[in-house]
Amino acid sequence: MPLNLAQVLNTLAHEIRTPLAVSQGYLKLLLDGRLTNADDSRRAMEQTRQALGALATLCMDMGKVSALAEESAAGVPVRIPAADVIANLRALDDMKSAAWDGDAGGRAIESANYRELAQALAIVAKAAFDEDRDAPHAMHATAGDDLTLLAGSTDAIPSLQAGPAAPHAQAVDFSKGGKGLKLIWAAFVLDRHGVQTWTNAQHRASVAFRIPLVQA
């Protein structure tokens, strides 16, 4: 799953292009004197302000991704009960709309920052949810040798249970645009924790995670 430099740069270029084009377009209209109405000028300035704010957010995200990518170690790993990771994930705002079922079991996840892991899981799940905003969203947890989390619209959950080797399973695209660098950051975090991810080509609003478990 690790991202390569080309994927990171392509995502960054895509994310920068839109707010930059918006800013340049409105500023050109103003400089050309084509926005003579005060309301139009104010609206143009507000759109430009929002676009520049998006660029500022990207700069902060770049720093966050860079710091994570350059860390030789993310602290000393400790064994966290898988149930605690699930509880932290369920408490995040992006996950509160999802219906939950399943059991995390009595084993543990080895992590130096399990809250960071939960946040990365939530970012990727929310991206799947956004593919079908109107559908009811579900999260299903099962624990065995690994902790498996299935996320997406309720009708997509069964298609994920066949696993990453199923005929319609495919890798998650962490470099797709429209999400800033959140997915890039999440990909680094999940890779650091050895998390395997997949989706189902027939259900875009779906994603699955397989997280290694250890004895508690």
C-alpha atoms as a PDB file:
ATOM      1  CA  MET A   1       0.000   0.000   0.000  1.00  0.00           C
ATOM      2  CA  PRO A   2       2.868   2.527   0.508  1.00  0.00           C
ATOM      3  CA  LEU A   3       2.476   5.609  -1.670  1.00  0.00           C
ATOM      4  CA  ASN A   4       5.254   6.539  -4.016  1.00  0.00           C
ATOM      5  CA  LEU A   5       6.523  10.060  -4.628  1.00  0.00           C
ATOM      6  CA  ALA A   6       4.684  10.351  -7.950  1.00  0.00           C
ATOM      7  CA  GLN A   7       1.322   9.663  -6.280  1.00  0.00           C
ATOM      8  CA  VAL A   8       1.982  12.257  -3.596  1.00  0.00           C
ATOM      9  CA  LEU A   9       3.076  14.894  -6.095  1.00  0.00           C
ATOM     10  CA  ASN A  10       0.172  14.183  -8.456  1.00  0.00           C
ATOM     11  CA  THR A  11      -2.328  14.561  -5.618  1.00  0.00           C
ATOM     12  CA  LEU A  12      -0.666  17.748  -4.435  1.00  0.00           C
ATOM     13  CA  ALA A  13      -0.676  19.240  -7.937  1.00  0.00           C
ATOM     14  CA  HIS A  14      -4.357  18.383  -8.361  1.00  0.00           C
ATOM     15  CA  GLU A  15      -5.304  19.911  -5.013  1.00  0.00           C
ATOM     16  CA  ILE A  16      -3.334  23.124  -5.609  1.00  0.00           C
ATOM     17  CA  ARG A  17      -4.586  23.659  -9.148  1.00  0.00           C
ATOM     18  CA  THR A  18      -8.231  24.452  -8.314  1.00  0.00           C
ATOM     19  CA  PRO A  19      -7.822  27.126  -5.597  1.00  0.00           C
ATOM     20  CA  LEU A  20      -4.942  28.671  -7.524  1.00  0.00           C
ATOM     21  CA  ALA A  21      -7.053  28.929 -10.678  1.00  0.00           C
ATOM     22  CA  VAL A  22      -9.954  30.439  -8.696  1.00  0.00           C
ATOM     23  CA  SER A  23      -7.687  33.078  -7.147  1.00  0.00           C
ATOM     24  CA  GLN A  24      -6.058  33.972 -10.444  1.00  0.00           C
ATOM     25  CA  GLY A  25      -9.403  34.153 -12.241  1.00  0.00           C
ATOM     26  CA  TYR A  26     -11.079  36.520  -9.808  1.00  0.00           C
ATOM     27  CA  LEU A  27      -8.001  38.719  -9.480  1.00  0.00           C
ATOM     28  CA  LYS A  28      -7.797  39.021 -13.265  1.00  0.00           C
ATOM     29  CA  LEU A  29     -11.445  40.111 -13.411  1.00  0.00           C
ATOM     30  CA  LEU A  30     -10.765  42.777 -10.795  1.00  0.00           C
ATOM     31  CA  LEU A  31      -7.590  44.015 -12.453  1.00  0.00           C
ATOM     32  CA  ASP A  32      -9.359  44.175 -15.831  1.00  0.00           C
ATOM     33  CA  GLY A  33     -12.064  46.329 -14.272  1.00  0.00           C
ATOM     34  CA  ARG A  34     -14.822  43.868 -15.139  1.00  0.00           C
ATOM     35  CA  LEU A  35     -16.323  43.776 -11.659  1.00  0.00           C
ATOM     36  CA  THR A  36     -17.751  47.268 -11.352  1.00  0.00           C
ATOM     37  CA  ASN A  37     -20.610  46.300  -9.044  1.00  0.00           C
ATOM     38  CA  ALA A  38     -19.646  46.471  -5.352  1.00  0.00           C
ATOM     39  CA  ASP A  39     -21.473  43.245  -4.531  1.00  0.00           C
ATOM     40  CA  ASP A  40     -19.720  41.411  -7.360  1.00  0.00           C
ATOM     41  CA  SER A  41     -16.339  42.709  -6.211  1.00  0.00           C
ATOM     42  CA  ARG A  42     -17.005  41.660  -2.633  1.00  0.00           C
ATOM     43  CA  ARG A  43     -18.128  38.204  -3.779  1.00  0.00           C
ATOM     44  CA  ALA A  44     -14.966  37.846  -5.856  1.00  0.00           C
ATOM     45  CA  MET A  45     -12.802  38.815  -2.889  1.00  0.00           C
ATOM     46  CA  GLU A  46     -14.616  36.338  -0.651  1.00  0.00           C
ATOM     47  CA  GLN A  47     -14.119  33.523  -3.165  1.00  0.00           C
ATOM     48  CA  THR A  48     -10.455  34.475  -3.465  1.00  0.00           C
ATOM     49  CA  ARG A  49     -10.097  34.506   0.326  1.00  0.00           C
ATOM     50  CA  GLN A  50     -11.586  31.013   0.555  1.00  0.00           C
ATOM     51  CA  ALA A  51      -9.311  29.734  -2.209  1.00  0.00           C
ATOM     52  CA  LEU A  52      -6.231  31.155  -0.485  1.00  0.00           C
ATOM     53  CA  GLY A  53      -7.435  29.591   2.756  1.00  0.00           C
ATOM     54  CA  ALA A  54      -7.567  26.232   0.992  1.00  0.00           C
ATOM     55  CA  LEU A  55      -3.969  26.734  -0.142  1.00  0.00           C
ATOM     56  CA  ALA A  56      -2.942  27.590   3.424  1.00  0.00           C
ATOM     57  CA  THR A  57      -4.588  24.383   4.646  1.00  0.00           C
ATOM     58  CA  LEU A  58      -2.682  22.410   2.012  1.00  0.00           C
ATOM     59  CA  CYS A  59       0.567  23.931   3.266  1.00  0.00           C
ATOM     60  CA  MET A  60      -0.240  22.766   6.798  1.00  0.00           C
ATOM     61  CA  ASP A  61      -1.178  19.323   5.485  1.00  0.00           C
ATOM     62  CA  MET A  62       2.113  19.138   3.576  1.00  0.00           C
ATOM     63  CA  GLY A  63       3.986  19.803   6.809  1.00  0.00           C
ATOM     64  CA  LYS A  64       1.991  17.100   8.578  1.00  0.00           C
ATOM     65  CA  VAL A  65       2.613  14.539   5.853  1.00  0.00           C
ATOM     66  CA  SER A  66       6.287  15.457   5.609  1.00  0.00           C
ATOM     67  CA  ALA A  67       6.812  15.116   9.351  1.00  0.00           C
ATOM     68  CA  LEU A  68       5.111  11.728   9.378  1.00  0.00           C
ATOM     69  CA  ALA A  69       7.024  10.446   6.355  1.00  0.00           C
ATOM     70  CA  GLU A  70      10.381  11.504   7.815  1.00  0.00           C
ATOM     71  CA  GLU A  71       9.902   9.987  11.257  1.00  0.00           C
ATOM     72  CA  SER A  72      12.188   7.029  11.743  1.00  0.00           C
ATOM     73  CA  ALA A  73       9.896   5.791  14.505  1.00  0.00           C
ATOM     74  CA  ALA A  74       6.552   7.009  15.761  1.00  0.00           C
ATOM     75  CA  GLY A  75       7.394   6.472  19.426  1.00  0.00           C
ATOM     76  CA  VAL A  76       7.527   3.212  21.325  1.00  0.00           C
ATOM     77  CA  PRO A  77       4.722   0.841  20.274  1.00  0.00           C
ATOM     78  CA  VAL A  78       2.486  -0.398  23.058  1.00  0.00           C
ATOM     79  CA  ARG A  79      -0.305  -2.942  23.045  1.00  0.00           C
ATOM     80  CA  ILE A  80      -3.707  -1.268  23.059  1.00  0.00           C
ATOM     81  CA  PRO A  81      -6.887  -3.343  23.438  1.00  0.00           C
ATOM     82  CA  ALA A  82      -8.570  -3.498  20.051  1.00  0.00           C
ATOM     83  CA  ALA A  83     -11.819  -2.531  21.770  1.00  0.00           C
ATOM     84  CA  ASP A  84     -10.209   0.775  22.842  1.00  0.00           C
ATOM     85  CA  VAL A  85      -9.211   1.573  19.256  1.00  0.00           C
ATOM     86  CA  ILE A  86     -12.762   0.815  18.116  1.00  0.00           C
ATOM     87  CA  ALA A  87     -14.223   2.976  20.891  1.00  0.00           C
ATOM     88  CA  ASN A  88     -11.967   5.877  19.896  1.00  0.00           C
ATOM     89  CA  LEU A  89     -12.918   5.454  16.247  1.00  0.00           C
ATOM     90  CA  ARG A  90     -16.626   5.357  17.029  1.00  0.00           C
ATOM     91  CA  ALA A  91     -16.344   8.584  19.039  1.00  0.00           C
ATOM     92  CA  LEU A  92     -14.906  10.589  16.131  1.00  0.00           C
ATOM     93  CA  ASP A  93     -17.334  13.027  14.520  1.00  0.00           C
ATOM     94  CA  ASP A  94     -17.028  11.487  11.054  1.00  0.00           C
ATOM     95  CA  MET A  95     -18.088   8.084  12.415  1.00  0.00           C
ATOM     96  CA  LYS A  96     -21.061   9.121  14.532  1.00  0.00           C
ATOM     97  CA  SER A  97     -23.495   8.759  11.639  1.00  0.00           C
ATOM     98  CA  ALA A  98     -22.551   5.120  11.004  1.00  0.00           C
ATOM     99  CA  ALA A  99     -24.443   2.142  12.400  1.00  0.00           C
ATOM    100  CA  TRP A 100     -22.017  -0.183  14.215  1.00  0.00           C
ATOM    101  CA  ASP A 101     -22.085  -3.905  14.828  1.00  0.00           C
ATOM    102  CA  GLY A 102     -19.615  -6.669  15.546  1.00  0.00           C
ATOM    103  CA  ASP A 103     -17.007  -7.344  18.189  1.00  0.00           C
ATOM    104  CA  ALA A 104     -13.389  -6.235  18.436  1.00  0.00           C
ATOM    105  CA  GLY A 105     -12.483  -9.296  20.486  1.00  0.00           C
ATOM    106  CA  GLY A 106     -10.124  -9.483  23.451  1.00  0.00           C
ATOM    107  CA  ARG A 107      -6.831  -9.034  21.626  1.00  0.00           C
ATOM    108  CA  ALA A 108      -4.712  -5.925  21.101  1.00  0.00           C
ATOM    109  CA  ILE A 109      -3.336  -3.637  18.405  1.00  0.00           C
ATOM    110  CA  GLU A 110       0.316  -2.664  18.608  1.00  0.00           C
ATOM    111  CA  SER A 111       0.574   1.082  18.124  1.00  0.00           C
ATOM    112  CA  ALA A 112       2.596   4.061  19.268  1.00  0.00           C
ATOM    113  CA  ASN A 113      -0.398   6.338  18.652  1.00  0.00           C
ATOM    114  CA  TYR A 114      -3.734   4.535  18.503  1.00  0.00           C
ATOM    115  CA  ARG A 115      -5.702   7.797  18.334  1.00  0.00           C
ATOM    116  CA  GLU A 116      -3.768   8.664  15.177  1.00  0.00           C
ATOM    117  CA  LEU A 117      -4.629   5.220  13.817  1.00  0.00           C
ATOM    118  CA  ALA A 118      -8.325   5.745  14.593  1.00  0.00           C
ATOM    119  CA  GLN A 119      -8.240   9.134  12.862  1.00  0.00           C
ATOM    120  CA  ALA A 120      -6.635   7.627   9.749  1.00  0.00           C
ATOM    121  CA  LEU A 121      -9.273   4.880   9.644  1.00  0.00           C
ATOM    122  CA  ALA A 122     -12.008   7.497   9.967  1.00  0.00           C
ATOM    123  CA  ILE A 123     -10.587   9.630   7.140  1.00  0.00           C
ATOM    124  CA  VAL A 124     -10.566   6.703   4.713  1.00  0.00           C
ATOM    125  CA  ALA A 125     -14.002   5.465   5.811  1.00  0.00           C
ATOM    126  CA  LYS A 126     -15.469   8.967   5.487  1.00  0.00           C
ATOM    127  CA  ALA A 127     -14.049   9.209   1.951  1.00  0.00           C
ATOM    128  CA  ALA A 128     -15.929   6.005   1.131  1.00  0.00           C
ATOM    129  CA  PHE A 129     -19.099   7.334   2.750  1.00  0.00           C
ATOM    130  CA  ASP A 130     -18.864  10.450   0.587  1.00  0.00           C
ATOM    131  CA  GLU A 131     -19.170   8.312  -2.543  1.00  0.00           C
ATOM    132  CA  ASP A 132     -22.821   7.770  -1.598  1.00  0.00           C
ATOM    133  CA  ARG A 133     -23.788  10.528   0.825  1.00  0.00           C
ATOM    134  CA  ASP A 134     -27.493   9.637   0.891  1.00  0.00           C
ATOM    135  CA  ALA A 135     -27.046   5.963   1.776  1.00  0.00           C
ATOM    136  CA  PRO A 136     -27.155   4.731   5.383  1.00  0.00           C
ATOM    137  CA  HIS A 137     -23.594   4.001   6.471  1.00  0.00           C
ATOM    138  CA  ALA A 138     -22.445   0.988   8.440  1.00  0.00           C
ATOM    139  CA  MET A 139     -19.297  -0.239  10.195  1.00  0.00           C
ATOM    140  CA  HIS A 140     -18.849  -3.944  10.880  1.00  0.00           C
ATOM    141  CA  ALA A 141     -16.040  -5.298  13.083  1.00  0.00           C
ATOM    142  CA  THR A 142     -14.845  -8.906  13.336  1.00  0.00           C
ATOM    143  CA  ALA A 143     -11.813 -10.171  15.226  1.00  0.00           C
ATOM    144  CA  GLY A 144      -9.782 -13.290  14.586  1.00  0.00           C
ATOM    145  CA  ASP A 145      -6.089 -13.405  13.837  1.00  0.00           C
ATOM    146  CA  ASP A 146      -6.661  -9.851  12.552  1.00  0.00           C
ATOM    147  CA  LEU A 147      -9.222  -7.158  13.230  1.00  0.00           C
ATOM    148  CA  THR A 148     -11.330  -6.621  10.116  1.00  0.00           C
ATOM    149  CA  LEU A 149     -13.371  -3.444   9.738  1.00  0.00           C
ATOM    150  CA  LEU A 150     -15.859  -3.139   6.893  1.00  0.00           C
ATOM    151  CA  ALA A 151     -17.240   0.313   6.130  1.00  0.00           C
ATOM    152  CA  GLY A 152     -19.617   1.818   3.620  1.00  0.00           C
ATOM    153  CA  SER A 153     -23.240   1.834   2.596  1.00  0.00           C
ATOM    154  CA  THR A 154     -25.168  -0.992   4.226  1.00  0.00           C
ATOM    155  CA  ASP A 155     -25.609  -2.864   0.945  1.00  0.00           C
ATOM    156  CA  ALA A 156     -21.836  -2.748   0.298  1.00  0.00           C
ATOM    157  CA  ILE A 157     -20.806  -4.511   3.524  1.00  0.00           C
ATOM    158  CA  PRO A 158     -21.492  -8.101   2.313  1.00  0.00           C
ATOM    159  CA  SER A 159     -19.400  -7.566  -0.821  1.00  0.00           C
ATOM    160  CA  LEU A 160     -16.362  -6.687   1.300  1.00  0.00           C
ATOM    161  CA  GLN A 161     -16.532  -9.812   3.449  1.00  0.00           C
ATOM    162  CA  ALA A 162     -15.036 -11.969   0.700  1.00  0.00           C
ATOM    163  CA  GLY A 163     -11.698 -10.263   1.382  1.00  0.00           C
ATOM    164  CA  PRO A 164      -9.000  -8.556  -0.686  1.00  0.00           C
ATOM    165  CA  ALA A 165      -8.539 -11.554  -2.992  1.00  0.00           C
ATOM    166  CA  ALA A 166     -12.191 -11.624  -4.111  1.00  0.00           C
ATOM    167  CA  PRO A 167     -12.899 -11.113  -7.843  1.00  0.00           C
ATOM    168  CA  HIS A 168     -14.214  -7.560  -7.488  1.00  0.00           C
ATOM    169  CA  ALA A 169     -11.822  -6.438  -4.748  1.00  0.00           C
ATOM    170  CA  GLN A 170      -9.340  -3.712  -5.608  1.00  0.00           C
ATOM    171  CA  ALA A 171      -6.799  -1.488  -3.906  1.00  0.00           C
ATOM    172  CA  VAL A 172      -7.932   1.771  -2.347  1.00  0.00           C
ATOM    173  CA  ASP A 173      -6.848   4.847  -4.301  1.00  0.00           C
ATOM    174  CA  PHE A 174      -5.287   7.111  -1.671  1.00  0.00           C
ATOM    175  CA  SER A 175      -4.103   9.596  -4.300  1.00  0.00           C
ATOM    176  CA  LYS A 176      -7.521  10.570  -5.644  1.00  0.00           C
ATOM    177  CA  GLY A 177      -8.260  14.289  -5.600  1.00  0.00           C
ATOM    178  CA  GLY A 178     -10.843  16.281  -3.748  1.00  0.00           C
ATOM    179  CA  LYS A 179      -9.711  15.342  -0.233  1.00  0.00           C
ATOM    180  CA  GLY A 180      -6.693  17.554   0.189  1.00  0.00           C
ATOM    181  CA  LEU A 181      -3.795  15.585   1.607  1.00  0.00           C
ATOM    182  CA  LYS A 182      -5.874  13.839   4.268  1.00  0.00           C
ATOM    183  CA  LEU A 183      -5.895  10.537   2.412  1.00  0.00           C
ATOM    184  CA  ILE A 184      -2.151  10.765   1.799  1.00  0.00           C
ATOM    185  CA  TRP A 185      -1.537  11.258   5.520  1.00  0.00           C
ATOM    186  CA  ALA A 186      -3.928   8.421   6.370  1.00  0.00           C
ATOM    187  CA  ALA A 187      -2.120   6.115   3.929  1.00  0.00           C
ATOM    188  CA  PHE A 188       1.185   6.699   5.714  1.00  0.00           C
ATOM    189  CA  VAL A 189      -0.384   6.037   9.127  1.00  0.00           C
ATOM    190  CA  LEU A 190      -2.129   2.849   7.992  1.00  0.00           C
ATOM    191  CA  ASP A 191       1.014   1.577   6.294  1.00  0.00           C
ATOM    192  CA  ARG A 192       2.989   2.201   9.473  1.00  0.00           C
ATOM    193  CA  HIS A 193       0.515   0.007  11.349  1.00  0.00           C
ATOM    194  CA  GLY A 194       0.593  -2.737   8.705  1.00  0.00           C
ATOM    195  CA  VAL A 195      -3.061  -2.215   7.805  1.00  0.00           C
ATOM    196  CA  GLN A 196      -4.277  -3.875   4.610  1.00  0.00           C
ATOM    197  CA  THR A 197      -7.044  -2.044   2.752  1.00  0.00           C
ATOM    198  CA  TRP A 198      -9.353  -2.872  -0.118  1.00  0.00           C
ATOM    199  CA  THR A 199     -12.611  -1.805  -1.689  1.00  0.00           C
ATOM    200  CA  ASN A 200     -15.137  -3.423  -4.028  1.00  0.00           C
ATOM    201  CA  ALA A 201     -15.278  -2.212  -7.629  1.00  0.00           C
ATOM    202  CA  GLN A 202     -19.041  -2.750  -7.704  1.00  0.00           C
ATOM    203  CA  HIS A 203     -19.598  -0.662  -4.568  1.00  0.00           C
ATOM    204  CA  ARG A 204     -17.685   2.611  -4.686  1.00  0.00           C
ATOM    205  CA  ALA A 205     -18.978   3.603  -1.245  1.00  0.00           C
ATOM    206  CA  SER A 206     -17.041   0.875   0.529  1.00  0.00           C
ATOM    207  CA  VAL A 207     -13.706   0.199   2.159  1.00  0.00           C
ATOM    208  CA  ALA A 208     -12.276  -2.579   4.318  1.00  0.00           C
ATOM    209  CA  PHE A 209      -9.353  -2.653   6.740  1.00  0.00           C
ATOM    210  CA  ARG A 210      -7.421  -5.654   8.041  1.00  0.00           C
ATOM    211  CA  ILE A 211      -5.406  -4.688  11.117  1.00  0.00           C
ATOM    212  CA  PRO A 212      -2.812  -7.036  12.685  1.00  0.00           C
ATOM    213  CA  LEU A 213      -3.661  -8.169  16.233  1.00  0.00           C
ATOM    214  CA  VAL A 214      -1.359  -9.355  19.004  1.00  0.00           C
ATOM    215  CA  GLN A 215      -1.996 -10.946  22.366  1.00  0.00           C
ATOM    216  CA  ALA A 216      -3.254  -8.375  24.906  1.00  0.00           C
END
